[in-house]
């Protein structure tokens, strides 16, 4: 029994003791008196300098309040926040055996963004060919949609400062409806930043307008491996409900991840549909209010360049049955802007 107790004492000293000058085990002191100061850069860069000090501490762990962590042996470091916000920062001061005390504080960060790409739709006629191309064809590429997508001015045009995507009931190339699907693929794509799209949505049961993005590697890996970010989807049978959704392997189609919410006057007023996208999360906004946050991760496809798609489908898997009395509807876009 004495031998067993002696082993336990030896293990305990290895874990949390040191030896004094006479070889007697001495308990390692707990960290105390932890103080943390933070200095937010005044240039809106997102940089915050932290200085943590504590007695008996050999290392410090910083939780920046956005899913990111960093260790420091000195307690001093600078972290660059990718987006504006109020963050709860937790700092742990540890001794050599890992015992710690912690300090919690908040930092308010303002990150200045620059406009890197936009279309204000101020030039009448066809959409700017330097910024937009078209998907042409029927069926919606697996969505069982009822329209044929064209690039005719009957279905897509810029007038009076807005882009108009027009769905029509007409017999065309074997389909009973026509519409348009614009995309910036091969012309513009980006990774991370803030998106703002001002749009007024169509009415009419069976319409399915969308503002969304696909990964640049779509042509090589296919969908859903490329990832899909649906900034806004709506269907005419539930006109004031807005859907935010992400698709990726294992969570695509009817198994995708997202939410929906109700806003008013989507068919009579312009609303701003937005996305704040970083390596840590995707935040979906309407009129600058965050309605849904999806946590990003390194094993997901949302860490590469994505391109835009603007379209209005008819019917299909999501749009549902089309009102037999439907004749035409318009999705109107005032601008598309990207900030970084």
C-alpha atoms as a PDB file:
ATOM      1  CA  UNK A   1       0.000   0.000   0.000  1.00  0.00           C
ATOM      2  CA  UNK A   2       2.842   2.403   0.791  1.00  0.00           C
ATOM      3  CA  UNK A   3       4.424   1.643  -2.562  1.00  0.00           C
ATOM      4  CA  UNK A   4       1.096   2.461  -4.343  1.00  0.00           C
ATOM      5  CA  UNK A   5       0.728   5.755  -2.470  1.00  0.00           C
ATOM      6  CA  UNK A   6       4.307   6.666  -3.311  1.00  0.00           C
ATOM      7  CA  UNK A   7       3.613   6.184  -7.034  1.00  0.00           C
ATOM      8  CA  UNK A   8       0.545   8.414  -6.834  1.00  0.00           C
ATOM      9  CA  UNK A   9       2.529  11.147  -5.113  1.00  0.00           C
ATOM     10  CA  UNK A  10       5.229  10.957  -7.764  1.00  0.00           C
ATOM     11  CA  UNK A  11       2.700  11.231 -10.618  1.00  0.00           C
ATOM     12  CA  UNK A  12       0.977  14.154  -8.896  1.00  0.00           C
ATOM     13  CA  UNK A  13       4.257  16.015  -8.558  1.00  0.00           C
ATOM     14  CA  UNK A  14       5.107  15.438 -12.223  1.00  0.00           C
ATOM     15  CA  UNK A  15       1.748  16.940 -13.217  1.00  0.00           C
ATOM     16  CA  UNK A  16       1.643  19.988 -10.960  1.00  0.00           C
ATOM     17  CA  UNK A  17       4.740  20.240  -8.733  1.00  0.00           C
ATOM     18  CA  UNK A  18       8.297  21.415  -8.971  1.00  0.00           C
ATOM     19  CA  UNK A  19      11.160  20.765  -6.545  1.00  0.00           C
ATOM     20  CA  UNK A  20      12.647  23.231  -4.121  1.00  0.00           C
ATOM     21  CA  UNK A  21      16.344  23.588  -3.463  1.00  0.00           C
ATOM     22  CA  UNK A  22      16.294  20.695  -1.021  1.00  0.00           C
ATOM     23  CA  UNK A  23      14.444  18.420  -3.472  1.00  0.00           C
ATOM     24  CA  UNK A  24      11.098  18.766  -1.718  1.00  0.00           C
ATOM     25  CA  UNK A  25       8.081  18.921  -4.093  1.00  0.00           C
ATOM     26  CA  UNK A  26       6.610  22.418  -4.375  1.00  0.00           C
ATOM     27  CA  UNK A  27       3.070  22.944  -5.781  1.00  0.00           C
ATOM     28  CA  UNK A  28       3.088  25.010  -8.967  1.00  0.00           C
ATOM     29  CA  UNK A  29       1.489  28.395  -8.421  1.00  0.00           C
ATOM     30  CA  UNK A  30      -1.822  29.193 -10.080  1.00  0.00           C
ATOM     31  CA  UNK A  31      -1.899  32.193 -12.438  1.00  0.00           C
ATOM     32  CA  UNK A  32      -3.320  35.293 -10.790  1.00  0.00           C
ATOM     33  CA  UNK A  33      -4.017  38.960 -11.526  1.00  0.00           C
ATOM     34  CA  UNK A  34      -4.894  38.526 -15.200  1.00  0.00           C
ATOM     35  CA  UNK A  35      -5.407  41.798 -17.049  1.00  0.00           C
ATOM     36  CA  UNK A  36      -6.189  42.199 -20.729  1.00  0.00           C
ATOM     37  CA  UNK A  37      -6.064  45.385 -22.779  1.00  0.00           C
ATOM     38  CA  UNK A  38      -7.247  45.704 -26.373  1.00  0.00           C
ATOM     39  CA  UNK A  39      -6.559  48.487 -28.841  1.00  0.00           C
ATOM     40  CA  UNK A  40      -8.713  48.685 -31.975  1.00  0.00           C
ATOM     41  CA  UNK A  41      -6.919  50.222 -34.960  1.00  0.00           C
ATOM     42  CA  UNK A  42      -8.391  53.569 -35.968  1.00  0.00           C
ATOM     43  CA  UNK A  43      -7.911  52.935 -39.709  1.00  0.00           C
ATOM     44  CA  UNK A  44     -10.905  50.533 -39.959  1.00  0.00           C
ATOM     45  CA  UNK A  45      -8.529  47.738 -40.948  1.00  0.00           C
ATOM     46  CA  UNK A  46     -10.033  45.316 -38.430  1.00  0.00           C
ATOM     47  CA  UNK A  47      -6.728  44.968 -36.564  1.00  0.00           C
ATOM     48  CA  UNK A  48      -6.977  44.672 -32.782  1.00  0.00           C
ATOM     49  CA  UNK A  49      -3.849  44.555 -30.582  1.00  0.00           C
ATOM     50  CA  UNK A  50      -4.159  42.537 -27.381  1.00  0.00           C
ATOM     51  CA  UNK A  51      -1.838  42.580 -24.350  1.00  0.00           C
ATOM     52  CA  UNK A  52      -2.478  40.063 -21.574  1.00  0.00           C
ATOM     53  CA  UNK A  53      -0.428  39.860 -18.382  1.00  0.00           C
ATOM     54  CA  UNK A  54      -0.729  37.589 -15.356  1.00  0.00           C
ATOM     55  CA  UNK A  55       1.453  36.375 -12.536  1.00  0.00           C
ATOM     56  CA  UNK A  56       2.701  32.789 -12.805  1.00  0.00           C
ATOM     57  CA  UNK A  57       1.492  32.439 -16.427  1.00  0.00           C
ATOM     58  CA  UNK A  58       3.629  30.686 -19.029  1.00  0.00           C
ATOM     59  CA  UNK A  59       1.208  30.951 -21.973  1.00  0.00           C
ATOM     60  CA  UNK A  60      -2.019  32.619 -23.070  1.00  0.00           C
ATOM     61  CA  UNK A  61      -4.906  31.367 -25.200  1.00  0.00           C
ATOM     62  CA  UNK A  62      -7.073  33.890 -27.070  1.00  0.00           C
ATOM     63  CA  UNK A  63     -10.638  33.139 -28.208  1.00  0.00           C
ATOM     64  CA  UNK A  64     -11.508  36.052 -30.526  1.00  0.00           C
ATOM     65  CA  UNK A  65     -15.256  35.489 -30.336  1.00  0.00           C
ATOM     66  CA  UNK A  66     -15.717  34.447 -33.970  1.00  0.00           C
ATOM     67  CA  UNK A  67     -14.597  30.829 -33.895  1.00  0.00           C
ATOM     68  CA  UNK A  68     -10.899  31.672 -34.213  1.00  0.00           C
ATOM     69  CA  UNK A  69      -8.265  30.932 -31.565  1.00  0.00           C
ATOM     70  CA  UNK A  70      -4.582  31.738 -31.131  1.00  0.00           C
ATOM     71  CA  UNK A  71      -1.911  30.952 -28.523  1.00  0.00           C
ATOM     72  CA  UNK A  72       0.813  33.317 -27.340  1.00  0.00           C
ATOM     73  CA  UNK A  73       3.767  32.722 -25.034  1.00  0.00           C
ATOM     74  CA  UNK A  74       4.131  36.443 -24.325  1.00  0.00           C
ATOM     75  CA  UNK A  75       0.489  37.518 -24.088  1.00  0.00           C
ATOM     76  CA  UNK A  76       0.905  40.090 -26.852  1.00  0.00           C
ATOM     77  CA  UNK A  77      -0.520  39.676 -30.360  1.00  0.00           C
ATOM     78  CA  UNK A  78      -2.514  41.422 -33.093  1.00  0.00           C
ATOM     79  CA  UNK A  79      -5.543  39.815 -34.761  1.00  0.00           C
ATOM     80  CA  UNK A  80      -7.293  41.074 -37.898  1.00  0.00           C
ATOM     81  CA  UNK A  81     -11.088  40.707 -37.782  1.00  0.00           C
ATOM     82  CA  UNK A  82     -12.577  40.082 -41.254  1.00  0.00           C
ATOM     83  CA  UNK A  83     -15.877  41.855 -40.575  1.00  0.00           C
ATOM     84  CA  UNK A  84     -17.374  44.572 -38.412  1.00  0.00           C
ATOM     85  CA  UNK A  85     -19.100  43.521 -35.218  1.00  0.00           C
ATOM     86  CA  UNK A  86     -19.089  43.278 -31.442  1.00  0.00           C
ATOM     87  CA  UNK A  87     -17.013  40.303 -30.337  1.00  0.00           C
ATOM     88  CA  UNK A  88     -16.746  38.615 -26.936  1.00  0.00           C
ATOM     89  CA  UNK A  89     -13.067  37.835 -26.345  1.00  0.00           C
ATOM     90  CA  UNK A  90     -11.984  35.221 -23.793  1.00  0.00           C
ATOM     91  CA  UNK A  91      -8.327  35.088 -22.720  1.00  0.00           C
ATOM     92  CA  UNK A  92      -6.919  32.240 -20.639  1.00  0.00           C
ATOM     93  CA  UNK A  93      -3.656  32.618 -18.697  1.00  0.00           C
ATOM     94  CA  UNK A  94      -2.100  29.184 -18.118  1.00  0.00           C
ATOM     95  CA  UNK A  95       0.717  27.815 -16.023  1.00  0.00           C
ATOM     96  CA  UNK A  96       3.029  25.036 -17.188  1.00  0.00           C
ATOM     97  CA  UNK A  97       0.656  22.300 -16.035  1.00  0.00           C
ATOM     98  CA  UNK A  98      -2.268  23.813 -17.933  1.00  0.00           C
ATOM     99  CA  UNK A  99      -4.166  25.256 -15.003  1.00  0.00           C
ATOM    100  CA  UNK A 100      -5.660  28.603 -15.943  1.00  0.00           C
ATOM    101  CA  UNK A 101      -7.692  31.639 -15.077  1.00  0.00           C
ATOM    102  CA  UNK A 102      -9.706  33.576 -17.667  1.00  0.00           C
ATOM    103  CA  UNK A 103     -10.825  37.078 -18.542  1.00  0.00           C
ATOM    104  CA  UNK A 104     -13.840  38.000 -20.700  1.00  0.00           C
ATOM    105  CA  UNK A 105     -14.249  41.334 -22.469  1.00  0.00           C
ATOM    106  CA  UNK A 106     -15.845  42.801 -25.574  1.00  0.00           C
ATOM    107  CA  UNK A 107     -14.314  44.613 -28.531  1.00  0.00           C
ATOM    108  CA  UNK A 108     -16.236  46.640 -31.086  1.00  0.00           C
ATOM    109  CA  UNK A 109     -14.626  46.447 -34.508  1.00  0.00           C
ATOM    110  CA  UNK A 110     -15.401  48.518 -37.589  1.00  0.00           C
ATOM    111  CA  UNK A 111     -13.972  47.147 -40.822  1.00  0.00           C
ATOM    112  CA  UNK A 112     -13.949  49.497 -43.764  1.00  0.00           C
ATOM    113  CA  UNK A 113     -14.883  47.915 -47.091  1.00  0.00           C
ATOM    114  CA  UNK A 114     -14.147  49.042 -50.619  1.00  0.00           C
ATOM    115  CA  UNK A 115     -16.411  48.510 -53.613  1.00  0.00           C
ATOM    116  CA  UNK A 116     -14.584  46.082 -55.912  1.00  0.00           C
ATOM    117  CA  UNK A 117     -17.316  45.312 -58.484  1.00  0.00           C
ATOM    118  CA  UNK A 118     -20.827  46.439 -59.257  1.00  0.00           C
ATOM    119  CA  UNK A 119     -23.487  46.824 -61.888  1.00  0.00           C
ATOM    120  CA  UNK A 120     -25.810  49.793 -61.370  1.00  0.00           C
ATOM    121  CA  UNK A 121     -27.822  48.984 -64.534  1.00  0.00           C
ATOM    122  CA  UNK A 122     -27.783  52.591 -65.718  1.00  0.00           C
ATOM    123  CA  UNK A 123     -27.159  51.924 -69.436  1.00  0.00           C
ATOM    124  CA  UNK A 124     -30.370  51.127 -71.365  1.00  0.00           C
ATOM    125  CA  UNK A 125     -30.522  48.062 -73.582  1.00  0.00           C
ATOM    126  CA  UNK A 126     -29.012  44.641 -73.048  1.00  0.00           C
ATOM    127  CA  UNK A 127     -27.115  43.974 -69.796  1.00  0.00           C
ATOM    128  CA  UNK A 128     -23.386  44.816 -69.956  1.00  0.00           C
ATOM    129  CA  UNK A 129     -21.751  41.915 -71.875  1.00  0.00           C
ATOM    130  CA  UNK A 130     -18.491  42.537 -70.001  1.00  0.00           C
ATOM    131  CA  UNK A 131     -20.271  41.559 -66.783  1.00  0.00           C
ATOM    132  CA  UNK A 132     -23.029  39.124 -67.757  1.00  0.00           C
ATOM    133  CA  UNK A 133     -23.542  36.109 -69.934  1.00  0.00           C
ATOM    134  CA  UNK A 134     -26.570  33.808 -70.259  1.00  0.00           C
ATOM    135  CA  UNK A 135     -27.638  30.240 -69.721  1.00  0.00           C
ATOM    136  CA  UNK A 136     -29.841  29.293 -72.681  1.00  0.00           C
ATOM    137  CA  UNK A 137     -32.204  26.333 -72.660  1.00  0.00           C
ATOM    138  CA  UNK A 138     -35.151  24.539 -71.087  1.00  0.00           C
ATOM    139  CA  UNK A 139     -35.878  22.458 -68.024  1.00  0.00           C
ATOM    140  CA  UNK A 140     -33.707  24.256 -65.480  1.00  0.00           C
ATOM    141  CA  UNK A 141     -30.934  21.628 -65.578  1.00  0.00           C
ATOM    142  CA  UNK A 142     -32.518  19.106 -63.249  1.00  0.00           C
ATOM    143  CA  UNK A 143     -35.141  21.296 -61.561  1.00  0.00           C
ATOM    144  CA  UNK A 144     -38.036  20.365 -63.905  1.00  0.00           C
ATOM    145  CA  UNK A 145     -38.711  24.039 -64.642  1.00  0.00           C
ATOM    146  CA  UNK A 146     -41.324  25.015 -67.220  1.00  0.00           C
ATOM    147  CA  UNK A 147     -39.568  27.937 -68.935  1.00  0.00           C
ATOM    148  CA  UNK A 148     -37.074  28.237 -71.763  1.00  0.00           C
ATOM    149  CA  UNK A 149     -34.254  30.642 -70.878  1.00  0.00           C
ATOM    150  CA  UNK A 150     -33.392  33.118 -73.647  1.00  0.00           C
ATOM    151  CA  UNK A 151     -31.263  36.229 -74.097  1.00  0.00           C
ATOM    152  CA  UNK A 152     -33.987  38.117 -75.985  1.00  0.00           C
ATOM    153  CA  UNK A 153     -34.956  41.645 -75.019  1.00  0.00           C
ATOM    154  CA  UNK A 154     -38.442  40.207 -74.516  1.00  0.00           C
ATOM    155  CA  UNK A 155     -37.033  38.426 -71.458  1.00  0.00           C
ATOM    156  CA  UNK A 156     -34.148  40.602 -70.253  1.00  0.00           C
ATOM    157  CA  UNK A 157     -33.479  44.318 -70.618  1.00  0.00           C
ATOM    158  CA  UNK A 158     -32.202  47.390 -68.789  1.00  0.00           C
ATOM    159  CA  UNK A 159     -34.575  50.372 -68.683  1.00  0.00           C
ATOM    160  CA  UNK A 160     -35.012  53.340 -66.359  1.00  0.00           C
ATOM    161  CA  UNK A 161     -32.018  52.366 -64.221  1.00  0.00           C
ATOM    162  CA  UNK A 162     -32.987  48.782 -63.429  1.00  0.00           C
ATOM    163  CA  UNK A 163     -32.438  45.308 -64.847  1.00  0.00           C
ATOM    164  CA  UNK A 164     -35.683  43.569 -65.710  1.00  0.00           C
ATOM    165  CA  UNK A 165     -35.921  39.791 -66.011  1.00  0.00           C
ATOM    166  CA  UNK A 166     -39.304  39.038 -67.575  1.00  0.00           C
ATOM    167  CA  UNK A 167     -41.104  35.704 -67.492  1.00  0.00           C
ATOM    168  CA  UNK A 168     -43.771  35.275 -70.163  1.00  0.00           C
ATOM    169  CA  UNK A 169     -46.411  32.723 -70.988  1.00  0.00           C
ATOM    170  CA  UNK A 170     -45.709  31.838 -74.609  1.00  0.00           C
ATOM    171  CA  UNK A 171     -44.937  28.798 -76.695  1.00  0.00           C
ATOM    172  CA  UNK A 172     -41.205  28.822 -77.423  1.00  0.00           C
ATOM    173  CA  UNK A 173     -38.877  26.017 -78.542  1.00  0.00           C
ATOM    174  CA  UNK A 174     -41.129  23.357 -77.014  1.00  0.00           C
ATOM    175  CA  UNK A 175     -41.726  25.185 -73.709  1.00  0.00           C
ATOM    176  CA  UNK A 176     -44.832  27.060 -72.590  1.00  0.00           C
ATOM    177  CA  UNK A 177     -42.973  29.887 -70.838  1.00  0.00           C
ATOM    178  CA  UNK A 178     -39.842  31.989 -71.393  1.00  0.00           C
ATOM    179  CA  UNK A 179     -37.543  33.853 -69.020  1.00  0.00           C
ATOM    180  CA  UNK A 180     -33.835  34.703 -68.557  1.00  0.00           C
ATOM    181  CA  UNK A 181     -30.894  33.546 -66.472  1.00  0.00           C
ATOM    182  CA  UNK A 182     -27.853  35.843 -66.248  1.00  0.00           C
ATOM    183  CA  UNK A 183     -24.509  34.786 -64.820  1.00  0.00           C
ATOM    184  CA  UNK A 184     -21.117  36.431 -64.262  1.00  0.00           C
ATOM    185  CA  UNK A 185     -19.237  33.169 -64.839  1.00  0.00           C
ATOM    186  CA  UNK A 186     -15.966  33.772 -66.674  1.00  0.00           C
ATOM    187  CA  UNK A 187     -16.386  37.526 -66.248  1.00  0.00           C
ATOM    188  CA  UNK A 188     -16.347  38.112 -62.498  1.00  0.00           C
ATOM    189  CA  UNK A 189     -15.972  35.955 -59.408  1.00  0.00           C
ATOM    190  CA  UNK A 190     -14.667  36.578 -55.909  1.00  0.00           C
ATOM    191  CA  UNK A 191     -13.822  34.976 -52.566  1.00  0.00           C
ATOM    192  CA  UNK A 192     -15.120  36.515 -49.324  1.00  0.00           C
ATOM    193  CA  UNK A 193     -16.616  39.954 -48.875  1.00  0.00           C
ATOM    194  CA  UNK A 194     -19.991  41.630 -48.674  1.00  0.00           C
ATOM    195  CA  UNK A 195     -22.738  41.418 -51.324  1.00  0.00           C
ATOM    196  CA  UNK A 196     -25.681  43.789 -51.682  1.00  0.00           C
ATOM    197  CA  UNK A 197     -28.422  43.294 -54.292  1.00  0.00           C
ATOM    198  CA  UNK A 198     -31.386  45.666 -54.396  1.00  0.00           C
ATOM    199  CA  UNK A 199     -34.364  43.937 -55.986  1.00  0.00           C
ATOM    200  CA  UNK A 200     -38.141  44.022 -56.321  1.00  0.00           C
ATOM    201  CA  UNK A 201     -39.600  40.557 -56.708  1.00  0.00           C
ATOM    202  CA  UNK A 202     -42.334  39.310 -59.050  1.00  0.00           C
ATOM    203  CA  UNK A 203     -45.828  38.238 -58.165  1.00  0.00           C
ATOM    204  CA  UNK A 204     -47.742  35.374 -59.730  1.00  0.00           C
ATOM    205  CA  UNK A 205     -48.183  31.815 -58.498  1.00  0.00           C
ATOM    206  CA  UNK A 206     -45.502  29.645 -60.052  1.00  0.00           C
ATOM    207  CA  UNK A 207     -42.727  32.260 -60.283  1.00  0.00           C
ATOM    208  CA  UNK A 208     -39.348  31.377 -58.743  1.00  0.00           C
ATOM    209  CA  UNK A 209     -36.865  34.299 -58.694  1.00  0.00           C
ATOM    210  CA  UNK A 210     -33.366  33.801 -57.278  1.00  0.00           C
ATOM    211  CA  UNK A 211     -30.159  35.672 -56.494  1.00  0.00           C
ATOM    212  CA  UNK A 212     -27.444  33.077 -55.976  1.00  0.00           C
ATOM    213  CA  UNK A 213     -23.840  31.960 -56.540  1.00  0.00           C
ATOM    214  CA  UNK A 214     -21.904  28.875 -57.611  1.00  0.00           C
ATOM    215  CA  UNK A 215     -18.251  27.932 -57.116  1.00  0.00           C
ATOM    216  CA  UNK A 216     -15.865  28.607 -59.992  1.00  0.00           C
ATOM    217  CA  UNK A 217     -14.953  24.908 -60.173  1.00  0.00           C
ATOM    218  CA  UNK A 218     -18.508  23.988 -61.190  1.00  0.00           C
ATOM    219  CA  UNK A 219     -17.412  22.784 -64.644  1.00  0.00           C
ATOM    220  CA  UNK A 220     -14.787  20.397 -63.234  1.00  0.00           C
ATOM    221  CA  UNK A 221     -16.303  19.000 -60.016  1.00  0.00           C
ATOM    222  CA  UNK A 222     -20.004  19.538 -60.725  1.00  0.00           C
ATOM    223  CA  UNK A 223     -22.810  20.291 -58.315  1.00  0.00           C
ATOM    224  CA  UNK A 224     -23.058  20.166 -55.315  1.00  0.00           C
ATOM    225  CA  UNK A 225     -19.299  19.686 -54.886  1.00  0.00           C
ATOM    226  CA  UNK A 226     -18.745  23.235 -56.158  1.00  0.00           C
ATOM    227  CA  UNK A 227     -21.032  24.662 -53.457  1.00  0.00           C
ATOM    228  CA  UNK A 228     -24.099  26.858 -53.899  1.00  0.00           C
ATOM    229  CA  UNK A 229     -25.013  30.011 -51.959  1.00  0.00           C
ATOM    230  CA  UNK A 230     -28.624  31.145 -52.328  1.00  0.00           C
ATOM    231  CA  UNK A 231     -28.728  34.759 -51.158  1.00  0.00           C
ATOM    232  CA  UNK A 232     -32.428  35.051 -51.975  1.00  0.00           C
ATOM    233  CA  UNK A 233     -35.095  32.685 -53.260  1.00  0.00           C
ATOM    234  CA  UNK A 234     -38.832  33.274 -53.308  1.00  0.00           C
ATOM    235  CA  UNK A 235     -41.849  31.595 -54.816  1.00  0.00           C
ATOM    236  CA  UNK A 236     -45.010  33.277 -56.008  1.00  0.00           C
ATOM    237  CA  UNK A 237     -47.264  31.021 -53.977  1.00  0.00           C
ATOM    238  CA  UNK A 238     -45.750  32.470 -50.775  1.00  0.00           C
ATOM    239  CA  UNK A 239     -44.637  35.890 -51.953  1.00  0.00           C
ATOM    240  CA  UNK A 240     -43.436  37.451 -48.693  1.00  0.00           C
ATOM    241  CA  UNK A 241     -41.323  34.486 -47.556  1.00  0.00           C
ATOM    242  CA  UNK A 242     -37.606  34.746 -48.342  1.00  0.00           C
ATOM    243  CA  UNK A 243     -35.306  31.702 -48.339  1.00  0.00           C
ATOM    244  CA  UNK A 244     -31.545  31.652 -47.573  1.00  0.00           C
ATOM    245  CA  UNK A 245     -29.858  28.350 -48.345  1.00  0.00           C
ATOM    246  CA  UNK A 246     -26.459  26.717 -48.846  1.00  0.00           C
ATOM    247  CA  UNK A 247     -25.862  23.480 -50.756  1.00  0.00           C
ATOM    248  CA  UNK A 248     -22.787  21.246 -50.535  1.00  0.00           C
ATOM    249  CA  UNK A 249     -21.988  17.520 -50.601  1.00  0.00           C
ATOM    250  CA  UNK A 250     -24.267  15.673 -48.204  1.00  0.00           C
ATOM    251  CA  UNK A 251     -26.527  18.719 -47.783  1.00  0.00           C
ATOM    252  CA  UNK A 252     -28.030  19.528 -51.164  1.00  0.00           C
ATOM    253  CA  UNK A 253     -31.426  19.681 -52.821  1.00  0.00           C
ATOM    254  CA  UNK A 254     -34.139  18.987 -50.264  1.00  0.00           C
ATOM    255  CA  UNK A 255     -31.462  18.281 -47.638  1.00  0.00           C
ATOM    256  CA  UNK A 256     -29.811  21.706 -47.950  1.00  0.00           C
ATOM    257  CA  UNK A 257     -29.139  23.978 -44.971  1.00  0.00           C
ATOM    258  CA  UNK A 258     -30.900  27.310 -44.505  1.00  0.00           C
ATOM    259  CA  UNK A 259     -33.884  29.187 -43.203  1.00  0.00           C
ATOM    260  CA  UNK A 260     -36.838  31.309 -44.273  1.00  0.00           C
ATOM    261  CA  UNK A 261     -38.517  34.399 -42.890  1.00  0.00           C
ATOM    262  CA  UNK A 262     -41.297  36.821 -43.710  1.00  0.00           C
ATOM    263  CA  UNK A 263     -40.841  40.428 -44.857  1.00  0.00           C
ATOM    264  CA  UNK A 264     -43.467  42.748 -46.283  1.00  0.00           C
ATOM    265  CA  UNK A 265     -43.984  44.364 -49.678  1.00  0.00           C
ATOM    266  CA  UNK A 266     -41.407  42.296 -51.585  1.00  0.00           C
ATOM    267  CA  UNK A 267     -43.345  42.714 -54.848  1.00  0.00           C
ATOM    268  CA  UNK A 268     -44.055  46.444 -54.488  1.00  0.00           C
ATOM    269  CA  UNK A 269     -40.835  47.785 -52.945  1.00  0.00           C
ATOM    270  CA  UNK A 270     -37.108  47.297 -53.439  1.00  0.00           C
ATOM    271  CA  UNK A 271     -35.379  45.435 -50.631  1.00  0.00           C
ATOM    272  CA  UNK A 272     -31.652  44.882 -50.130  1.00  0.00           C
ATOM    273  CA  UNK A 273     -30.653  41.210 -50.093  1.00  0.00           C
ATOM    274  CA  UNK A 274     -27.159  40.712 -48.730  1.00  0.00           C
ATOM    275  CA  UNK A 275     -24.380  38.323 -47.777  1.00  0.00           C
ATOM    276  CA  UNK A 276     -21.343  38.804 -45.526  1.00  0.00           C
ATOM    277  CA  UNK A 277     -18.991  35.948 -46.343  1.00  0.00           C
ATOM    278  CA  UNK A 278     -15.760  34.997 -44.582  1.00  0.00           C
ATOM    279  CA  UNK A 279     -13.705  31.911 -43.735  1.00  0.00           C
ATOM    280  CA  UNK A 280     -15.669  31.588 -40.490  1.00  0.00           C
ATOM    281  CA  UNK A 281     -19.292  32.106 -41.542  1.00  0.00           C
ATOM    282  CA  UNK A 282     -21.847  33.226 -44.102  1.00  0.00           C
ATOM    283  CA  UNK A 283     -24.313  35.811 -42.836  1.00  0.00           C
ATOM    284  CA  UNK A 284     -27.498  36.397 -44.838  1.00  0.00           C
ATOM    285  CA  UNK A 285     -29.162  39.807 -44.555  1.00  0.00           C
ATOM    286  CA  UNK A 286     -32.273  41.641 -45.668  1.00  0.00           C
ATOM    287  CA  UNK A 287     -32.199  45.428 -45.424  1.00  0.00           C
ATOM    288  CA  UNK A 288     -28.981  45.176 -43.353  1.00  0.00           C
ATOM    289  CA  UNK A 289     -30.529  42.835 -40.754  1.00  0.00           C
ATOM    290  CA  UNK A 290     -28.858  39.434 -40.329  1.00  0.00           C
ATOM    291  CA  UNK A 291     -31.514  36.715 -40.566  1.00  0.00           C
ATOM    292  CA  UNK A 292     -29.336  33.620 -40.801  1.00  0.00           C
ATOM    293  CA  UNK A 293     -25.718  32.666 -40.079  1.00  0.00           C
ATOM    294  CA  UNK A 294     -24.105  29.527 -41.476  1.00  0.00           C
ATOM    295  CA  UNK A 295     -20.749  28.437 -39.948  1.00  0.00           C
ATOM    296  CA  UNK A 296     -18.088  28.035 -42.621  1.00  0.00           C
ATOM    297  CA  UNK A 297     -15.230  25.530 -42.272  1.00  0.00           C
ATOM    298  CA  UNK A 298     -12.092  24.577 -44.172  1.00  0.00           C
ATOM    299  CA  UNK A 299     -13.606  21.271 -45.372  1.00  0.00           C
ATOM    300  CA  UNK A 300     -16.543  23.021 -47.078  1.00  0.00           C
ATOM    301  CA  UNK A 301     -16.521  24.381 -50.648  1.00  0.00           C
ATOM    302  CA  UNK A 302     -17.197  27.976 -49.494  1.00  0.00           C
ATOM    303  CA  UNK A 303     -13.528  28.990 -49.489  1.00  0.00           C
ATOM    304  CA  UNK A 304     -12.973  29.591 -53.193  1.00  0.00           C
ATOM    305  CA  UNK A 305     -14.155  32.046 -55.836  1.00  0.00           C
ATOM    306  CA  UNK A 306     -17.891  32.128 -56.621  1.00  0.00           C
ATOM    307  CA  UNK A 307     -19.815  33.768 -59.487  1.00  0.00           C
ATOM    308  CA  UNK A 308     -23.300  35.337 -59.562  1.00  0.00           C
ATOM    309  CA  UNK A 309     -26.541  34.068 -61.099  1.00  0.00           C
ATOM    310  CA  UNK A 310     -29.728  36.141 -61.442  1.00  0.00           C
ATOM    311  CA  UNK A 311     -32.791  34.380 -62.808  1.00  0.00           C
ATOM    312  CA  UNK A 312     -36.516  33.808 -62.670  1.00  0.00           C
ATOM    313  CA  UNK A 313     -37.761  30.276 -63.207  1.00  0.00           C
ATOM    314  CA  UNK A 314     -41.332  29.110 -63.695  1.00  0.00           C
ATOM    315  CA  UNK A 315     -42.697  26.143 -61.745  1.00  0.00           C
ATOM    316  CA  UNK A 316     -40.249  23.333 -61.164  1.00  0.00           C
ATOM    317  CA  UNK A 317     -39.331  21.490 -57.992  1.00  0.00           C
ATOM    318  CA  UNK A 318     -39.444  24.652 -55.886  1.00  0.00           C
ATOM    319  CA  UNK A 319     -41.763  27.010 -57.772  1.00  0.00           C
ATOM    320  CA  UNK A 320     -44.580  24.494 -57.830  1.00  0.00           C
ATOM    321  CA  UNK A 321     -47.789  24.681 -59.854  1.00  0.00           C
ATOM    322  CA  UNK A 322     -48.263  27.671 -62.155  1.00  0.00           C
ATOM    323  CA  UNK A 323     -51.458  29.685 -62.105  1.00  0.00           C
ATOM    324  CA  UNK A 324     -53.283  28.965 -65.398  1.00  0.00           C
ATOM    325  CA  UNK A 325     -54.139  32.682 -65.584  1.00  0.00           C
ATOM    326  CA  UNK A 326     -50.465  33.725 -65.426  1.00  0.00           C
ATOM    327  CA  UNK A 327     -49.315  35.893 -68.363  1.00  0.00           C
ATOM    328  CA  UNK A 328     -46.108  37.674 -67.296  1.00  0.00           C
ATOM    329  CA  UNK A 329     -44.082  38.835 -64.290  1.00  0.00           C
ATOM    330  CA  UNK A 330     -40.976  40.945 -63.753  1.00  0.00           C
ATOM    331  CA  UNK A 331     -38.028  40.615 -61.391  1.00  0.00           C
ATOM    332  CA  UNK A 332     -36.420  44.041 -61.125  1.00  0.00           C
ATOM    333  CA  UNK A 333     -32.817  44.602 -59.938  1.00  0.00           C
ATOM    334  CA  UNK A 334     -31.560  48.092 -59.105  1.00  0.00           C
ATOM    335  CA  UNK A 335     -27.928  47.128 -58.463  1.00  0.00           C
ATOM    336  CA  UNK A 336     -25.487  44.364 -57.584  1.00  0.00           C
ATOM    337  CA  UNK A 337     -22.477  45.414 -55.430  1.00  0.00           C
ATOM    338  CA  UNK A 338     -19.507  43.553 -53.985  1.00  0.00           C
ATOM    339  CA  UNK A 339     -17.284  44.975 -51.227  1.00  0.00           C
ATOM    340  CA  UNK A 340     -14.045  43.692 -49.729  1.00  0.00           C
END
